Amino acid sequence: MMLNKKIILLLLLSFGFVKANAQKIFSVKYVNQANVKVFVVKYENQCDLKVYKVKYLNQAGKNDGRWYFVSYENQADKKIYFVDYENQADLKIYFVDYENQAGWKNKNLMHKLF
């Protein structure tokens, strides 16, 4: 009986960690508010990360390019600022049309969104 309670507790905790790692993104107005400066490139082959914007929070990934844009800054895991020039960016992204296209092209920069 005690073993079952421990297993249930472990499962509940693990689900909590999965939700905590979701890529909840908020776009800030000023560069000094951002964790990461992002530039959107015109072509897929120029990017570090291919991003798919999901419609619902439960579809967001764990640093795999599936982003959910939250409405309020305090809900976000990461705050981003869209820069005007590529050389100002910490990360270059390309928005894809399909979820299965999302993912890292330059895995050396994954730490930027952890």
N, C-alpha and C. Protein backbone atom coordinates (compact mmCIF):
# COMPACT_ATOMS: atom_id res chain seq x y z
N MET A 1 0.82 -1.19 0.00
CA MET A 1 0.00 0.00 0.00
C MET A 1 0.86 1.26 0.00
N MET A 2 1.90 1.27 0.83
CA MET A 2 2.80 2.43 0.91
C MET A 2 3.54 2.63 -0.41
N LEU A 3 3.89 1.54 -1.07
CA LEU A 3 4.59 1.61 -2.36
C LEU A 3 3.72 2.29 -3.42
N ASN A 4 2.43 1.98 -3.42
CA ASN A 4 1.51 2.59 -4.38
C ASN A 4 1.43 4.10 -4.18
N LYS A 5 1.41 4.55 -2.94
CA LYS A 5 1.37 5.98 -2.65
C LYS A 5 2.63 6.68 -3.14
N LYS A 6 3.78 6.02 -2.99
CA LYS A 6 5.04 6.61 -3.46
C LYS A 6 5.06 6.71 -4.98
N ILE A 7 4.55 5.69 -5.65
CA ILE A 7 4.51 5.70 -7.11
C ILE A 7 3.59 6.82 -7.61
N ILE A 8 2.44 6.95 -6.98
CA ILE A 8 1.50 8.01 -7.37
C ILE A 8 2.12 9.38 -7.14
N LEU A 9 2.78 9.56 -6.02
CA LEU A 9 3.44 10.83 -5.73
C LEU A 9 4.52 11.15 -6.76
N LEU A 10 5.32 10.17 -7.13
CA LEU A 10 6.35 10.36 -8.15
C LEU A 10 5.75 10.74 -9.50
N LEU A 11 4.66 10.09 -9.87
CA LEU A 11 4.00 10.42 -11.14
C LEU A 11 3.46 11.85 -11.13
N LEU A 12 2.84 12.25 -10.04
CA LEU A 12 2.32 13.62 -9.95
C LEU A 12 3.44 14.65 -10.02
N LEU A 13 4.52 14.38 -9.34
CA LEU A 13 5.66 15.31 -9.39
C LEU A 13 6.25 15.39 -10.78
N SER A 14 6.35 14.26 -11.47
CA SER A 14 6.93 14.28 -12.81
C SER A 14 6.06 15.05 -13.79
N PHE A 15 4.73 14.97 -13.65
CA PHE A 15 3.85 15.76 -14.51
C PHE A 15 4.02 17.24 -14.24
N GLY A 16 4.24 17.60 -13.00
CA GLY A 16 4.47 19.00 -12.65
C GLY A 16 5.73 19.54 -13.29
N PHE A 17 6.79 18.73 -13.35
CA PHE A 17 8.03 19.17 -13.97
C PHE A 17 7.87 19.32 -15.48
N VAL A 18 7.08 18.47 -16.10
CA VAL A 18 6.85 18.58 -17.54
C VAL A 18 6.18 19.92 -17.85
N LYS A 19 5.18 20.28 -17.07
CA LYS A 19 4.49 21.55 -17.31
C LYS A 19 5.42 22.73 -17.06
N ALA A 20 6.27 22.62 -16.07
CA ALA A 20 7.18 23.71 -15.73
C ALA A 20 8.20 23.98 -16.83
N ASN A 21 8.51 22.98 -17.63
CA ASN A 21 9.51 23.12 -18.68
C ASN A 21 8.94 23.53 -20.02
N ALA A 22 7.66 23.78 -20.11
CA ALA A 22 7.04 24.17 -21.37
C ALA A 22 7.63 25.48 -21.85
N GLN A 23 7.68 25.65 -23.15
CA GLN A 23 8.22 26.87 -23.74
C GLN A 23 7.14 27.94 -23.82
N LYS A 24 6.93 28.60 -22.70
CA LYS A 24 5.99 29.71 -22.65
C LYS A 24 6.79 30.99 -22.89
N ILE A 25 6.43 31.69 -23.95
CA ILE A 25 7.20 32.83 -24.42
C ILE A 25 6.37 34.10 -24.31
N PHE A 26 7.04 35.19 -23.91
CA PHE A 26 6.41 36.51 -23.91
C PHE A 26 7.32 37.46 -24.67
N SER A 27 6.74 38.22 -25.57
CA SER A 27 7.49 39.20 -26.35
C SER A 27 7.44 40.55 -25.64
N VAL A 28 8.60 41.01 -25.18
CA VAL A 28 8.67 42.27 -24.42
C VAL A 28 8.84 43.46 -25.36
N LYS A 29 8.56 44.65 -24.85
CA LYS A 29 8.64 45.87 -25.65
C LYS A 29 10.03 46.48 -25.69
N TYR A 30 10.84 46.19 -24.66
CA TYR A 30 12.15 46.81 -24.58
C TYR A 30 13.24 45.76 -24.43
N VAL A 31 14.35 45.98 -25.07
CA VAL A 31 15.43 45.00 -25.12
C VAL A 31 15.97 44.66 -23.73
N ASN A 32 16.00 45.62 -22.83
CA ASN A 32 16.55 45.35 -21.50
C ASN A 32 15.65 44.47 -20.63
N GLN A 33 14.44 44.19 -21.09
CA GLN A 33 13.53 43.29 -20.37
C GLN A 33 13.67 41.84 -20.81
N ALA A 34 14.41 41.60 -21.86
CA ALA A 34 14.46 40.27 -22.49
C ALA A 34 15.54 39.37 -21.91
N ASN A 35 15.22 38.07 -21.91
CA ASN A 35 16.22 37.04 -21.62
C ASN A 35 17.02 36.73 -22.88
N VAL A 36 16.33 36.80 -24.03
CA VAL A 36 16.95 36.43 -25.31
C VAL A 36 16.51 37.42 -26.38
N LYS A 37 17.49 37.87 -27.17
CA LYS A 37 17.20 38.73 -28.32
C LYS A 37 17.08 37.83 -29.55
N VAL A 38 15.98 38.00 -30.29
CA VAL A 38 15.64 37.09 -31.39
C VAL A 38 15.52 37.87 -32.69
N PHE A 39 16.02 37.26 -33.76
CA PHE A 39 15.85 37.82 -35.10
C PHE A 39 15.17 36.76 -35.96
N VAL A 40 14.15 37.17 -36.69
CA VAL A 40 13.43 36.26 -37.58
C VAL A 40 14.07 36.35 -38.97
N VAL A 41 14.62 35.24 -39.42
CA VAL A 41 15.28 35.21 -40.73
C VAL A 41 14.26 34.91 -41.83
N LYS A 42 14.64 35.24 -43.06
CA LYS A 42 13.74 35.04 -44.20
C LYS A 42 13.73 33.60 -44.70
N TYR A 43 14.86 32.91 -44.53
CA TYR A 43 14.99 31.57 -45.09
C TYR A 43 15.37 30.56 -44.01
N GLU A 44 14.82 29.39 -44.11
CA GLU A 44 15.03 28.33 -43.12
C GLU A 44 16.50 27.99 -42.92
N ASN A 45 17.27 28.00 -43.97
CA ASN A 45 18.68 27.60 -43.86
C ASN A 45 19.54 28.63 -43.11
N GLN A 46 18.97 29.78 -42.77
CA GLN A 46 19.71 30.82 -42.03
C GLN A 46 19.48 30.75 -40.52
N CYS A 47 18.59 29.90 -40.07
CA CYS A 47 18.16 29.95 -38.67
C CYS A 47 18.96 29.02 -37.76
N ASP A 48 18.86 29.31 -36.46
CA ASP A 48 19.38 28.43 -35.41
C ASP A 48 18.27 27.51 -34.91
N LEU A 49 17.04 28.03 -34.93
CA LEU A 49 15.89 27.29 -34.40
C LEU A 49 14.68 27.51 -35.30
N LYS A 50 14.03 26.41 -35.66
CA LYS A 50 12.77 26.48 -36.39
C LYS A 50 11.65 26.44 -35.36
N VAL A 51 10.79 27.45 -35.38
CA VAL A 51 9.75 27.62 -34.35
C VAL A 51 8.37 27.40 -34.95
N TYR A 52 7.58 26.64 -34.21
CA TYR A 52 6.16 26.48 -34.54
C TYR A 52 5.35 27.07 -33.40
N LYS A 53 4.45 27.99 -33.72
CA LYS A 53 3.60 28.61 -32.70
C LYS A 53 2.39 27.70 -32.47
N VAL A 54 2.30 27.15 -31.26
CA VAL A 54 1.18 26.28 -30.92
C VAL A 54 0.00 27.12 -30.46
N LYS A 55 -1.20 26.56 -30.57
CA LYS A 55 -2.42 27.29 -30.22
C LYS A 55 -2.76 27.17 -28.74
N TYR A 56 -2.32 26.07 -28.11
CA TYR A 56 -2.70 25.82 -26.73
C TYR A 56 -1.46 25.52 -25.89
N LEU A 57 -1.49 25.92 -24.64
CA LEU A 57 -0.36 25.74 -23.74
C LEU A 57 0.08 24.29 -23.63
N ASN A 58 -0.88 23.37 -23.59
CA ASN A 58 -0.50 21.96 -23.42
C ASN A 58 0.20 21.38 -24.65
N GLN A 59 0.27 22.12 -25.74
CA GLN A 59 0.99 21.68 -26.93
C GLN A 59 2.44 22.16 -26.96
N ALA A 60 2.77 23.04 -26.05
CA ALA A 60 4.12 23.62 -26.03
C ALA A 60 5.15 22.55 -25.70
N GLY A 61 6.31 22.70 -26.26
CA GLY A 61 7.37 21.71 -26.07
C GLY A 61 8.34 22.09 -24.97
N LYS A 62 9.34 21.24 -24.83
CA LYS A 62 10.41 21.48 -23.85
C LYS A 62 11.68 21.82 -24.63
N ASN A 63 11.83 23.06 -24.98
CA ASN A 63 12.99 23.55 -25.71
C ASN A 63 13.20 22.80 -27.03
N ASP A 64 12.10 22.58 -27.73
CA ASP A 64 12.17 21.87 -29.01
C ASP A 64 11.59 22.68 -30.16
N GLY A 65 11.34 23.98 -29.92
CA GLY A 65 10.85 24.83 -30.99
C GLY A 65 9.34 25.00 -31.03
N ARG A 66 8.61 24.35 -30.14
CA ARG A 66 7.17 24.54 -30.08
C ARG A 66 6.90 25.58 -28.99
N TRP A 67 6.51 26.78 -29.42
CA TRP A 67 6.33 27.92 -28.52
C TRP A 67 4.86 28.26 -28.35
N TYR A 68 4.53 28.62 -27.12
CA TYR A 68 3.21 29.16 -26.81
C TYR A 68 3.42 30.58 -26.31
N PHE A 69 2.84 31.55 -26.99
CA PHE A 69 2.98 32.94 -26.59
C PHE A 69 1.93 33.29 -25.55
N VAL A 70 2.39 33.61 -24.36
CA VAL A 70 1.48 33.94 -23.26
C VAL A 70 1.10 35.42 -23.33
N SER A 71 0.02 35.76 -22.63
CA SER A 71 -0.50 37.13 -22.68
C SER A 71 0.17 38.06 -21.67
N TYR A 72 0.73 37.47 -20.62
CA TYR A 72 1.31 38.29 -19.56
C TYR A 72 2.75 37.86 -19.25
N GLU A 73 3.57 38.82 -18.98
CA GLU A 73 5.00 38.60 -18.74
C GLU A 73 5.25 37.60 -17.60
N ASN A 74 4.46 37.68 -16.55
CA ASN A 74 4.70 36.80 -15.40
C ASN A 74 4.33 35.35 -15.65
N GLN A 75 3.71 35.05 -16.78
CA GLN A 75 3.38 33.67 -17.14
C GLN A 75 4.49 33.00 -17.94
N ALA A 76 5.46 33.77 -18.39
CA ALA A 76 6.46 33.28 -19.33
C ALA A 76 7.62 32.56 -18.66
N ASP A 77 8.13 31.56 -19.37
CA ASP A 77 9.39 30.93 -18.98
C ASP A 77 10.56 31.76 -19.53
N LYS A 78 10.37 32.30 -20.71
CA LYS A 78 11.39 33.13 -21.35
C LYS A 78 10.75 34.36 -21.95
N LYS A 79 11.45 35.49 -21.80
CA LYS A 79 11.01 36.75 -22.39
C LYS A 79 11.95 37.05 -23.56
N ILE A 80 11.36 37.31 -24.72
CA ILE A 80 12.17 37.57 -25.91
C ILE A 80 11.90 38.98 -26.42
N TYR A 81 12.90 39.48 -27.14
CA TYR A 81 12.77 40.78 -27.81
C TYR A 81 13.16 40.56 -29.26
N PHE A 82 12.30 40.98 -30.17
CA PHE A 82 12.59 40.85 -31.59
C PHE A 82 13.44 42.04 -32.04
N VAL A 83 14.67 41.78 -32.43
CA VAL A 83 15.59 42.82 -32.88
C VAL A 83 15.41 43.08 -34.37
N ASP A 84 15.90 44.22 -34.81
CA ASP A 84 15.75 44.62 -36.21
C ASP A 84 16.85 44.09 -37.12
N TYR A 85 17.99 43.76 -36.53
CA TYR A 85 19.13 43.35 -37.34
C TYR A 85 19.71 42.03 -36.82
N GLU A 86 20.12 41.19 -37.74
CA GLU A 86 20.63 39.86 -37.42
C GLU A 86 21.81 39.89 -36.45
N ASN A 87 22.70 40.87 -36.61
CA ASN A 87 23.89 40.93 -35.77
C ASN A 87 23.60 41.34 -34.33
N GLN A 88 22.37 41.76 -34.04
CA GLN A 88 21.97 42.11 -32.67
C GLN A 88 21.41 40.90 -31.91
N ALA A 89 21.18 39.81 -32.60
CA ALA A 89 20.44 38.68 -32.04
C ALA A 89 21.32 37.69 -31.30
N ASP A 90 20.73 37.12 -30.24
CA ASP A 90 21.32 35.96 -29.57
C ASP A 90 20.92 34.68 -30.30
N LEU A 91 19.77 34.75 -30.97
CA LEU A 91 19.18 33.56 -31.58
C LEU A 91 18.45 33.95 -32.85
N LYS A 92 18.69 33.21 -33.93
CA LYS A 92 17.99 33.44 -35.19
C LYS A 92 16.94 32.35 -35.36
N ILE A 93 15.68 32.78 -35.58
CA ILE A 93 14.60 31.81 -35.71
C ILE A 93 13.91 31.93 -37.06
N TYR A 94 13.23 30.86 -37.41
CA TYR A 94 12.41 30.82 -38.62
C TYR A 94 11.09 30.17 -38.23
N PHE A 95 9.98 30.83 -38.52
CA PHE A 95 8.67 30.27 -38.19
C PHE A 95 8.25 29.28 -39.26
N VAL A 96 7.91 28.06 -38.83
CA VAL A 96 7.49 27.01 -39.75
C VAL A 96 5.98 26.85 -39.70
N ASP A 97 5.44 26.20 -40.71
CA ASP A 97 3.99 26.05 -40.85
C ASP A 97 3.44 24.79 -40.17
N TYR A 98 4.32 23.82 -39.92
CA TYR A 98 3.87 22.55 -39.37
C TYR A 98 4.69 22.17 -38.14
N GLU A 99 4.01 21.60 -37.16
CA GLU A 99 4.63 21.26 -35.89
C GLU A 99 5.83 20.33 -36.05
N ASN A 100 5.73 19.36 -36.95
CA ASN A 100 6.83 18.39 -37.10
C ASN A 100 8.09 18.99 -37.74
N GLN A 101 8.02 20.23 -38.20
CA GLN A 101 9.19 20.90 -38.77
C GLN A 101 10.01 21.63 -37.71
N ALA A 102 9.43 21.82 -36.53
CA ALA A 102 10.09 22.60 -35.48
C ALA A 102 11.30 21.85 -34.93
N GLY A 103 12.31 22.60 -34.52
CA GLY A 103 13.48 21.99 -33.89
C GLY A 103 14.74 22.81 -34.09
N TRP A 104 15.76 22.38 -33.38
CA TRP A 104 17.05 23.08 -33.41
C TRP A 104 17.87 22.68 -34.62
N LYS A 105 18.46 23.68 -35.28
CA LYS A 105 19.45 23.44 -36.31
C LYS A 105 20.84 23.65 -35.74
N ASN A 106 20.96 24.55 -34.76
CA ASN A 106 22.23 24.82 -34.09
C ASN A 106 22.08 24.47 -32.61
N LYS A 107 22.34 23.23 -32.27
CA LYS A 107 22.11 22.75 -30.89
C LYS A 107 23.08 23.38 -29.89
N ASN A 108 24.12 24.05 -30.35
CA ASN A 108 25.05 24.74 -29.44
C ASN A 108 24.38 25.92 -28.74
N LEU A 109 23.25 26.38 -29.25
CA LEU A 109 22.55 27.52 -28.67
C LEU A 109 21.34 27.13 -27.83
N MET A 110 21.13 25.84 -27.62
CA MET A 110 19.97 25.38 -26.85
C MET A 110 19.94 25.97 -25.44
N HIS A 111 21.10 26.21 -24.88
CA HIS A 111 21.18 26.74 -23.50
C HIS A 111 20.51 28.11 -23.38
N LYS A 112 20.36 28.82 -24.47
CA LYS A 112 19.73 30.16 -24.43
C LYS A 112 18.28 30.11 -23.96
N LEU A 113 17.62 28.96 -24.18
CA LEU A 113 16.21 28.86 -23.83
C LEU A 113 15.94 27.92 -22.66
N PHE A 114 16.97 27.55 -21.94
CA PHE A 114 16.75 26.72 -20.74
C PHE A 114 16.54 27.60 -19.54
